[in-house]
Amino acid sequence: MADDLLQVRDLSTGYHGREIIHKLVLPDIRAGEVHSLVGPNGAGKSTLMRALAGLQRATGSVKLGGRELIGLSLAEHARHITYMPQTLPQGVALTVLESVIGALRASPTGEDAGLGEKAIERRSLEVLQRVGITHLALNGLDQLSGGQRQLVSLAQSLVREPRVLLLDEPISALDLQHQLRVMQLVHELARERGMIALVVLHDLQAAARWSDGIVMFSKGAVVATGKPAEAITPHTLARVYGVRARTEHCSHGMLQIMVDGVLRPDEVPAA
């Protein structure tokens, strides 16, 4: 049903007078699903995320539950979509808990929804516990490592309980254990809340493991979409990344990607 769908059609956007994405169409994304955007640096993934979040001008159509979001104010966008950028702003003199409480207060699901101070603090602590950083609650943001700041940013996004969660490289600064915990948490919450999660990832193995669908990007255009094994293939890896690679399923049924080397320019397939 349309009520369950995020639909992107003919989306064009860019910056500084340069069009980065032209007439982009994405597969429909249903509530409860996690989809990953993958592709090389400069492919347009972050540009697309900012356009979907309403942070930069775009033309075309972005519908959520049949409602058109293009043209809405940033505040109206925020009622439906929460965007987690790659890094938190620097120089913010708040504790971790205060920053998560502030994110909830600024959300339509916070004070505007009638939550009192105790309820706001309780929900904020619950999210910190779910993310696994309760022990950092009273630490200042300026005392945190890059990975810890990334986890706080995730908590700030999750506490708002959005219908659509946009995550731009949420595991880039994390160690292996926290990468797994974050992706598992996003997967679980999407199912529990009926939330749509769209995640930019460079780690193709993580994308293959945790995603219901993959969108492979190159030069502002979609090269392949589908389930991980349909979108991540030797051919698409050669075309998009310029590498010689193999894919197979392990004994647990998970897609494995093995890269053997870099292709010469004349070996890269055109399509």
C-alpha atoms as a PDB file:
ATOM      1  CA  MET A   1       0.000   0.000   0.000  1.00  0.00           C
ATOM      2  CA  ALA A   2       1.120   3.606  -0.608  1.00  0.00           C
ATOM      3  CA  ASP A   3       0.953   4.286   3.152  1.00  0.00           C
ATOM      4  CA  ASP A   4       3.947   1.978   3.595  1.00  0.00           C
ATOM      5  CA  LEU A   5       6.129   3.388   0.822  1.00  0.00           C
ATOM      6  CA  LEU A   6       8.910   5.874   0.306  1.00  0.00           C
ATOM      7  CA  GLN A   7       8.792   6.664  -3.402  1.00  0.00           C
ATOM      8  CA  VAL A   8      11.444   8.701  -5.241  1.00  0.00           C
ATOM      9  CA  ARG A   9      10.803   9.634  -8.861  1.00  0.00           C
ATOM     10  CA  ASP A  10      12.696  11.885 -11.302  1.00  0.00           C
ATOM     11  CA  LEU A  11      14.714  13.518  -8.510  1.00  0.00           C
ATOM     12  CA  SER A  12      17.274  16.108  -9.601  1.00  0.00           C
ATOM     13  CA  THR A  13      19.546  18.033  -7.251  1.00  0.00           C
ATOM     14  CA  GLY A  14      23.032  19.497  -6.893  1.00  0.00           C
ATOM     15  CA  TYR A  15      24.899  22.484  -5.500  1.00  0.00           C
ATOM     16  CA  HIS A  16      26.890  25.545  -6.612  1.00  0.00           C
ATOM     17  CA  GLY A  17      24.944  25.537  -9.855  1.00  0.00           C
ATOM     18  CA  ARG A  18      26.082  22.012 -10.710  1.00  0.00           C
ATOM     19  CA  GLU A  19      23.562  19.198 -11.112  1.00  0.00           C
ATOM     20  CA  ILE A  20      24.884  16.083  -9.363  1.00  0.00           C
ATOM     21  CA  ILE A  21      21.803  13.880  -9.655  1.00  0.00           C
ATOM     22  CA  HIS A  22      19.505  13.973 -12.688  1.00  0.00           C
ATOM     23  CA  LYS A  23      16.039  12.421 -12.887  1.00  0.00           C
ATOM     24  CA  LEU A  24      16.852   9.750 -10.307  1.00  0.00           C
ATOM     25  CA  VAL A  25      14.360   6.948  -9.680  1.00  0.00           C
ATOM     26  CA  LEU A  26      14.680   4.642  -6.658  1.00  0.00           C
ATOM     27  CA  PRO A  27      12.854   1.390  -6.054  1.00  0.00           C
ATOM     28  CA  ASP A  28       9.944   1.748  -3.625  1.00  0.00           C
ATOM     29  CA  ILE A  29      11.033   1.237  -0.020  1.00  0.00           C
ATOM     30  CA  ARG A  30       8.552  -0.238   2.459  1.00  0.00           C
ATOM     31  CA  ALA A  31       8.137   0.385   6.159  1.00  0.00           C
ATOM     32  CA  GLY A  32      10.325  -1.921   8.203  1.00  0.00           C
ATOM     33  CA  GLU A  33      13.033  -2.213   5.548  1.00  0.00           C
ATOM     34  CA  VAL A  34      16.709  -1.242   5.527  1.00  0.00           C
ATOM     35  CA  HIS A  35      18.199  -0.215   2.185  1.00  0.00           C
ATOM     36  CA  SER A  36      21.843   0.677   1.619  1.00  0.00           C
ATOM     37  CA  LEU A  37      23.306   3.185  -0.823  1.00  0.00           C
ATOM     38  CA  VAL A  38      26.733   2.047  -1.986  1.00  0.00           C
ATOM     39  CA  GLY A  39      29.211   3.405  -4.477  1.00  0.00           C
ATOM     40  CA  PRO A  40      32.593   5.142  -4.727  1.00  0.00           C
ATOM     41  CA  ASN A  41      33.444   8.549  -3.300  1.00  0.00           C
ATOM     42  CA  GLY A  42      31.820  11.352  -5.248  1.00  0.00           C
ATOM     43  CA  ALA A  43      29.019   9.150  -6.583  1.00  0.00           C
ATOM     44  CA  GLY A  44      26.316  11.448  -5.156  1.00  0.00           C
ATOM     45  CA  LYS A  45      25.185   9.379  -2.167  1.00  0.00           C
ATOM     46  CA  SER A  46      25.461  12.145   0.441  1.00  0.00           C
ATOM     47  CA  THR A  47      23.948  14.661  -1.980  1.00  0.00           C
ATOM     48  CA  LEU A  48      20.940  12.393  -2.383  1.00  0.00           C
ATOM     49  CA  MET A  49      20.556  11.995   1.392  1.00  0.00           C
ATOM     50  CA  ARG A  50      20.602  15.757   1.954  1.00  0.00           C
ATOM     51  CA  ALA A  51      17.990  16.243  -0.768  1.00  0.00           C
ATOM     52  CA  LEU A  52      15.731  13.575   0.762  1.00  0.00           C
ATOM     53  CA  ALA A  53      16.122  15.284   4.147  1.00  0.00           C
ATOM     54  CA  GLY A  54      15.033  18.623   2.670  1.00  0.00           C
ATOM     55  CA  LEU A  55      18.428  20.215   3.343  1.00  0.00           C
ATOM     56  CA  GLN A  56      19.007  21.240  -0.262  1.00  0.00           C
ATOM     57  CA  ARG A  57      16.768  22.151  -3.143  1.00  0.00           C
ATOM     58  CA  ALA A  58      15.532  19.409  -5.413  1.00  0.00           C
ATOM     59  CA  THR A  59      12.994  18.873  -8.149  1.00  0.00           C
ATOM     60  CA  GLY A  60      10.965  15.799  -8.928  1.00  0.00           C
ATOM     61  CA  SER A  61       8.945  13.782  -6.451  1.00  0.00           C
ATOM     62  CA  VAL A  62       9.608  12.315  -3.010  1.00  0.00           C
ATOM     63  CA  LYS A  63       6.488  10.767  -1.529  1.00  0.00           C
ATOM     64  CA  LEU A  64       6.055   9.168   1.872  1.00  0.00           C
ATOM     65  CA  GLY A  65       2.763   7.390   2.396  1.00  0.00           C
ATOM     66  CA  GLY A  66       1.475   9.077  -0.735  1.00  0.00           C
ATOM     67  CA  ARG A  67       2.273  12.584   0.566  1.00  0.00           C
ATOM     68  CA  GLU A  68       4.579  14.759  -1.510  1.00  0.00           C
ATOM     69  CA  LEU A  69       7.567  16.052   0.497  1.00  0.00           C
ATOM     70  CA  ILE A  70       9.268  18.173  -2.175  1.00  0.00           C
ATOM     71  CA  GLY A  71       8.425  21.778  -1.443  1.00  0.00           C
ATOM     72  CA  LEU A  72       7.680  21.311   2.241  1.00  0.00           C
ATOM     73  CA  SER A  73       9.466  23.462   4.788  1.00  0.00           C
ATOM     74  CA  LEU A  74      12.447  22.011   6.636  1.00  0.00           C
ATOM     75  CA  ALA A  75      10.319  21.814   9.796  1.00  0.00           C
ATOM     76  CA  GLU A  76       7.658  19.805   7.963  1.00  0.00           C
ATOM     77  CA  HIS A  77      10.328  17.530   6.513  1.00  0.00           C
ATOM     78  CA  ALA A  78      11.618  16.908  10.031  1.00  0.00           C
ATOM     79  CA  ARG A  79       8.219  15.582  11.082  1.00  0.00           C
ATOM     80  CA  HIS A  80       8.773  12.576   8.844  1.00  0.00           C
ATOM     81  CA  ILE A  81      12.482  12.239   8.099  1.00  0.00           C
ATOM     82  CA  THR A  82      15.526  12.365  10.384  1.00  0.00           C
ATOM     83  CA  TYR A  83      18.985  12.737   8.878  1.00  0.00           C
ATOM     84  CA  MET A  84      22.215  11.673  10.588  1.00  0.00           C
ATOM     85  CA  PRO A  85      25.224  13.353   8.928  1.00  0.00           C
ATOM     86  CA  GLN A  86      28.703  11.863   8.923  1.00  0.00           C
ATOM     87  CA  THR A  87      29.902  13.991  11.865  1.00  0.00           C
ATOM     88  CA  LEU A  88      28.498  16.013  14.778  1.00  0.00           C
ATOM     89  CA  PRO A  89      29.127  19.773  14.875  1.00  0.00           C
ATOM     90  CA  GLN A  90      32.290  20.734  16.745  1.00  0.00           C
ATOM     91  CA  GLY A  91      32.478  22.987  19.810  1.00  0.00           C
ATOM     92  CA  VAL A  92      29.107  22.063  21.356  1.00  0.00           C
ATOM     93  CA  ALA A  93      29.273  22.467  25.145  1.00  0.00           C
ATOM     94  CA  LEU A  94      26.778  19.767  26.131  1.00  0.00           C
ATOM     95  CA  THR A  95      26.911  16.382  27.787  1.00  0.00           C
ATOM     96  CA  VAL A  96      25.893  13.330  25.811  1.00  0.00           C
ATOM     97  CA  LEU A  97      22.583  13.072  27.676  1.00  0.00           C
ATOM     98  CA  GLU A  98      21.842  16.785  27.226  1.00  0.00           C
ATOM     99  CA  SER A  99      22.465  16.511  23.491  1.00  0.00           C
ATOM    100  CA  VAL A 100      20.045  13.576  23.131  1.00  0.00           C
ATOM    101  CA  ILE A 101      17.422  15.337  25.286  1.00  0.00           C
ATOM    102  CA  GLY A 102      17.845  18.439  23.125  1.00  0.00           C
ATOM    103  CA  ALA A 103      17.308  16.395  19.966  1.00  0.00           C
ATOM    104  CA  LEU A 104      14.073  14.988  21.375  1.00  0.00           C
ATOM    105  CA  ARG A 105      12.833  18.379  22.560  1.00  0.00           C
ATOM    106  CA  ALA A 106      13.373  19.766  19.081  1.00  0.00           C
ATOM    107  CA  SER A 107      11.414  16.876  17.578  1.00  0.00           C
ATOM    108  CA  PRO A 108       7.669  16.781  16.902  1.00  0.00           C
ATOM    109  CA  THR A 109       7.654  13.563  18.973  1.00  0.00           C
ATOM    110  CA  GLY A 110       9.022  15.430  21.993  1.00  0.00           C
ATOM    111  CA  GLU A 111       7.528  18.447  23.747  1.00  0.00           C
ATOM    112  CA  ASP A 112       5.169  19.167  20.839  1.00  0.00           C
ATOM    113  CA  ALA A 113       3.649  15.725  21.405  1.00  0.00           C
ATOM    114  CA  GLY A 114       3.037  16.471  25.070  1.00  0.00           C
ATOM    115  CA  LEU A 115       5.979  14.613  26.600  1.00  0.00           C
ATOM    116  CA  GLY A 116       6.970  15.981  29.991  1.00  0.00           C
ATOM    117  CA  GLU A 117      10.494  16.425  31.293  1.00  0.00           C
ATOM    118  CA  LYS A 118      10.618  13.040  33.017  1.00  0.00           C
ATOM    119  CA  ALA A 119       9.304  11.227  29.939  1.00  0.00           C
ATOM    120  CA  ILE A 120      11.839  13.011  27.716  1.00  0.00           C
ATOM    121  CA  GLU A 121      14.722  12.091  30.022  1.00  0.00           C
ATOM    122  CA  ARG A 122      13.489   8.506  30.326  1.00  0.00           C
ATOM    123  CA  ARG A 123      13.234   8.031  26.569  1.00  0.00           C
ATOM    124  CA  SER A 124      16.666   9.609  26.085  1.00  0.00           C
ATOM    125  CA  LEU A 125      18.257   7.248  28.618  1.00  0.00           C
ATOM    126  CA  GLU A 126      16.520   4.278  27.016  1.00  0.00           C
ATOM    127  CA  VAL A 127      18.013   5.175  23.640  1.00  0.00           C
ATOM    128  CA  LEU A 128      21.485   5.609  25.139  1.00  0.00           C
ATOM    129  CA  GLN A 129      21.121   2.150  26.664  1.00  0.00           C
ATOM    130  CA  ARG A 130      19.940   0.673  23.359  1.00  0.00           C
ATOM    131  CA  VAL A 131      22.916   2.190  21.529  1.00  0.00           C
ATOM    132  CA  GLY A 132      25.222   0.979  24.314  1.00  0.00           C
ATOM    133  CA  ILE A 133      26.607   4.315  25.506  1.00  0.00           C
ATOM    134  CA  THR A 134      24.842   4.883  28.840  1.00  0.00           C
ATOM    135  CA  HIS A 135      28.279   5.072  30.452  1.00  0.00           C
ATOM    136  CA  LEU A 136      28.975   8.204  28.398  1.00  0.00           C
ATOM    137  CA  ALA A 137      25.786  10.028  29.450  1.00  0.00           C
ATOM    138  CA  LEU A 138      27.511  12.675  31.580  1.00  0.00           C
ATOM    139  CA  ASN A 139      30.595  13.073  29.381  1.00  0.00           C
ATOM    140  CA  GLY A 140      30.975  16.252  27.374  1.00  0.00           C
ATOM    141  CA  LEU A 141      30.738  15.923  23.603  1.00  0.00           C
ATOM    142  CA  ASP A 142      34.184  17.515  23.345  1.00  0.00           C
ATOM    143  CA  GLN A 143      35.625  14.619  25.390  1.00  0.00           C
ATOM    144  CA  LEU A 144      34.556  11.918  22.953  1.00  0.00           C
ATOM    145  CA  SER A 145      36.442  10.047  20.274  1.00  0.00           C
ATOM    146  CA  GLY A 146      35.235  10.132  16.679  1.00  0.00           C
ATOM    147  CA  GLY A 147      33.560   6.753  17.047  1.00  0.00           C
ATOM    148  CA  GLN A 148      31.827   7.752  20.278  1.00  0.00           C
ATOM    149  CA  ARG A 149      30.545  10.935  18.648  1.00  0.00           C
ATOM    150  CA  GLN A 150      29.146   8.815  15.829  1.00  0.00           C
ATOM    151  CA  LEU A 151      27.230   6.700  18.349  1.00  0.00           C
ATOM    152  CA  VAL A 152      25.863   9.842  20.035  1.00  0.00           C
ATOM    153  CA  SER A 153      24.708  11.131  16.657  1.00  0.00           C
ATOM    154  CA  LEU A 154      22.888   7.843  16.111  1.00  0.00           C
ATOM    155  CA  ALA A 155      21.201   8.168  19.524  1.00  0.00           C
ATOM    156  CA  GLN A 156      20.107  11.719  18.669  1.00  0.00           C
ATOM    157  CA  SER A 157      18.512  10.408  15.477  1.00  0.00           C
ATOM    158  CA  LEU A 158      16.821   7.364  17.019  1.00  0.00           C
ATOM    159  CA  VAL A 159      15.316   9.228  19.970  1.00  0.00           C
ATOM    160  CA  ARG A 160      13.153  11.198  17.543  1.00  0.00           C
ATOM    161  CA  GLU A 161      11.467   7.953  16.374  1.00  0.00           C
ATOM    162  CA  PRO A 162      11.233   9.050  12.726  1.00  0.00           C
ATOM    163  CA  ARG A 163       9.229   7.359   9.989  1.00  0.00           C
ATOM    164  CA  VAL A 164      12.306   7.550   7.768  1.00  0.00           C
ATOM    165  CA  LEU A 165      15.871   7.452   9.092  1.00  0.00           C
ATOM    166  CA  LEU A 166      18.698   8.581   6.806  1.00  0.00           C
ATOM    167  CA  LEU A 167      22.159   7.516   7.992  1.00  0.00           C
ATOM    168  CA  ASP A 168      25.244   8.818   6.185  1.00  0.00           C
ATOM    169  CA  GLU A 169      28.154   6.448   6.868  1.00  0.00           C
ATOM    170  CA  PRO A 170      27.074   5.608  10.445  1.00  0.00           C
ATOM    171  CA  ILE A 171      29.845   3.038  11.030  1.00  0.00           C
ATOM    172  CA  SER A 172      32.834   4.666   9.322  1.00  0.00           C
ATOM    173  CA  ALA A 173      34.637   5.546  12.589  1.00  0.00           C
ATOM    174  CA  LEU A 174      33.625   2.464  14.587  1.00  0.00           C
ATOM    175  CA  ASP A 175      35.527  -0.678  15.507  1.00  0.00           C
ATOM    176  CA  LEU A 176      34.254  -4.039  14.289  1.00  0.00           C
ATOM    177  CA  GLN A 177      32.130  -4.826  17.360  1.00  0.00           C
ATOM    178  CA  HIS A 178      30.369  -1.457  17.295  1.00  0.00           C
ATOM    179  CA  GLN A 179      29.847  -1.682  13.531  1.00  0.00           C
ATOM    180  CA  LEU A 180      27.961  -4.936  14.054  1.00  0.00           C
ATOM    181  CA  ARG A 181      25.990  -3.562  17.003  1.00  0.00           C
ATOM    182  CA  VAL A 182      24.923  -0.435  15.144  1.00  0.00           C
ATOM    183  CA  MET A 183      23.801  -2.237  12.003  1.00  0.00           C
ATOM    184  CA  GLN A 184      21.961  -4.876  14.030  1.00  0.00           C
ATOM    185  CA  LEU A 185      20.244  -2.136  16.046  1.00  0.00           C
ATOM    186  CA  VAL A 186      19.135  -0.264  12.913  1.00  0.00           C
ATOM    187  CA  HIS A 187      17.835  -3.532  11.454  1.00  0.00           C
ATOM    188  CA  GLU A 188      15.935  -4.381  14.670  1.00  0.00           C
ATOM    189  CA  LEU A 189      14.397  -0.920  15.084  1.00  0.00           C
ATOM    190  CA  ALA A 190      13.259  -0.800  11.480  1.00  0.00           C
ATOM    191  CA  ARG A 191      11.334  -4.019  12.092  1.00  0.00           C
ATOM    192  CA  GLU A 192      10.027  -3.021  15.536  1.00  0.00           C
ATOM    193  CA  ARG A 193       8.878   0.489  14.628  1.00  0.00           C
ATOM    194  CA  GLY A 194       7.947  -0.022  10.992  1.00  0.00           C
ATOM    195  CA  MET A 195      10.647   2.528  10.204  1.00  0.00           C
ATOM    196  CA  ILE A 196      12.326   2.973   6.829  1.00  0.00           C
ATOM    197  CA  ALA A 197      16.117   3.156   7.067  1.00  0.00           C
ATOM    198  CA  LEU A 198      18.255   4.359   4.183  1.00  0.00           C
ATOM    199  CA  VAL A 199      21.970   3.964   4.941  1.00  0.00           C
ATOM    200  CA  VAL A 200      25.081   5.115   3.085  1.00  0.00           C
ATOM    201  CA  LEU A 201      27.805   2.476   3.494  1.00  0.00           C
ATOM    202  CA  HIS A 202      31.263   1.930   2.063  1.00  0.00           C
ATOM    203  CA  ASP A 203      31.527  -1.512   3.650  1.00  0.00           C
ATOM    204  CA  LEU A 204      29.905  -3.753   1.042  1.00  0.00           C
ATOM    205  CA  GLN A 205      30.017  -6.750   3.364  1.00  0.00           C
ATOM    206  CA  ALA A 206      27.984  -4.884   5.998  1.00  0.00           C
ATOM    207  CA  ALA A 207      25.580  -3.659   3.316  1.00  0.00           C
ATOM    208  CA  ALA A 208      25.077  -7.198   2.035  1.00  0.00           C
ATOM    209  CA  ARG A 209      24.510  -8.607   5.517  1.00  0.00           C
ATOM    210  CA  TRP A 210      22.052  -6.076   6.940  1.00  0.00           C
ATOM    211  CA  SER A 211      20.132  -4.710   3.954  1.00  0.00           C
ATOM    212  CA  ASP A 212      16.816  -5.728   2.475  1.00  0.00           C
ATOM    213  CA  GLY A 213      17.811  -3.892  -0.677  1.00  0.00           C
ATOM    214  CA  ILE A 214      20.879  -2.323  -2.273  1.00  0.00           C
ATOM    215  CA  VAL A 215      21.092   0.774  -4.464  1.00  0.00           C
ATOM    216  CA  MET A 216      24.470   0.927  -6.221  1.00  0.00           C
ATOM    217  CA  PHE A 217      25.441   4.429  -7.304  1.00  0.00           C
ATOM    218  CA  SER A 218      27.959   5.786  -9.767  1.00  0.00           C
ATOM    219  CA  LYS A 219      28.321   9.374 -11.015  1.00  0.00           C
ATOM    220  CA  GLY A 220      24.907  10.431  -9.731  1.00  0.00           C
ATOM    221  CA  ALA A 221      23.062   7.556 -11.376  1.00  0.00           C
ATOM    222  CA  VAL A 222      21.693   4.208 -10.225  1.00  0.00           C
ATOM    223  CA  VAL A 223      23.653   1.304 -11.683  1.00  0.00           C
ATOM    224  CA  ALA A 224      21.930  -1.589  -9.925  1.00  0.00           C
ATOM    225  CA  THR A 225      19.179  -2.228  -7.411  1.00  0.00           C
ATOM    226  CA  GLY A 226      17.694  -5.273  -5.764  1.00  0.00           C
ATOM    227  CA  LYS A 227      18.460  -7.743  -3.030  1.00  0.00           C
ATOM    228  CA  PRO A 228      22.166  -7.835  -2.087  1.00  0.00           C
ATOM    229  CA  ALA A 229      22.990 -10.820  -4.330  1.00  0.00           C
ATOM    230  CA  GLU A 230      21.154  -9.184  -7.245  1.00  0.00           C
ATOM    231  CA  ALA A 231      22.859  -5.786  -7.004  1.00  0.00           C
ATOM    232  CA  ILE A 232      26.342  -6.757  -5.808  1.00  0.00           C
ATOM    233  CA  THR A 233      27.786  -8.926  -8.574  1.00  0.00           C
ATOM    234  CA  PRO A 234      31.195  -9.325 -10.232  1.00  0.00           C
ATOM    235  CA  HIS A 235      29.895  -7.260 -13.152  1.00  0.00           C
ATOM    236  CA  THR A 236      28.584  -4.339 -11.078  1.00  0.00           C
ATOM    237  CA  LEU A 237      31.698  -4.345  -8.886  1.00  0.00           C
ATOM    238  CA  ALA A 238      33.848  -4.152 -12.015  1.00  0.00           C
ATOM    239  CA  ARG A 239      31.750  -1.413 -13.566  1.00  0.00           C
ATOM    240  CA  VAL A 240      31.349   0.788 -10.462  1.00  0.00           C
ATOM    241  CA  TYR A 241      34.553   0.165  -8.503  1.00  0.00           C
ATOM    242  CA  GLY A 242      36.911  -0.981 -11.234  1.00  0.00           C
ATOM    243  CA  VAL A 243      37.864  -4.169  -9.390  1.00  0.00           C
ATOM    244  CA  ARG A 244      38.009  -7.850 -10.221  1.00  0.00           C
ATOM    245  CA  ALA A 245      35.842  -9.616  -7.639  1.00  0.00           C
ATOM    246  CA  ARG A 246      33.936 -12.793  -6.867  1.00  0.00           C
ATOM    247  CA  THR A 247      30.756 -13.309  -4.857  1.00  0.00           C
ATOM    248  CA  GLU A 248      29.405 -16.422  -3.202  1.00  0.00           C
ATOM    249  CA  HIS A 249      27.254 -17.441  -0.242  1.00  0.00           C
ATOM    250  CA  CYS A 250      28.847 -18.862   2.877  1.00  0.00           C
ATOM    251  CA  SER A 251      27.522 -21.874   4.810  1.00  0.00           C
ATOM    252  CA  HIS A 252      25.244 -19.507   6.774  1.00  0.00           C
ATOM    253  CA  GLY A 253      23.724 -18.146   3.581  1.00  0.00           C
ATOM    254  CA  MET A 254      25.364 -14.710   3.777  1.00  0.00           C
ATOM    255  CA  LEU A 255      26.792 -13.086   0.659  1.00  0.00           C
ATOM    256  CA  GLN A 256      30.584 -12.934   0.652  1.00  0.00           C
ATOM    257  CA  ILE A 257      32.573 -10.528  -1.533  1.00  0.00           C
ATOM    258  CA  MET A 258      36.169 -11.338  -2.447  1.00  0.00           C
ATOM    259  CA  VAL A 259      38.210  -8.740  -4.329  1.00  0.00           C
ATOM    260  CA  ASP A 260      41.134 -10.131  -6.329  1.00  0.00           C
ATOM    261  CA  GLY A 261      42.590  -6.953  -7.770  1.00  0.00           C
ATOM    262  CA  VAL A 262      42.183  -3.665  -9.621  1.00  0.00           C
ATOM    263  CA  LEU A 263      41.167  -3.657 -13.281  1.00  0.00           C
ATOM    264  CA  ARG A 264      43.001  -1.715 -15.950  1.00  0.00           C
ATOM    265  CA  PRO A 265      40.894   1.132 -17.424  1.00  0.00           C
ATOM    266  CA  ASP A 266      40.390  -0.840 -20.667  1.00  0.00           C
ATOM    267  CA  GLU A 267      39.054  -3.817 -18.642  1.00  0.00           C
ATOM    268  CA  VAL A 268      36.260  -1.867 -16.899  1.00  0.00           C
ATOM    269  CA  PRO A 269      32.895  -2.687 -18.527  1.00  0.00           C
ATOM    270  CA  ALA A 270      30.939   0.278 -19.845  1.00  0.00           C
ATOM    271  CA  ALA A 271      27.539  -1.166 -18.895  1.00  0.00           C
END
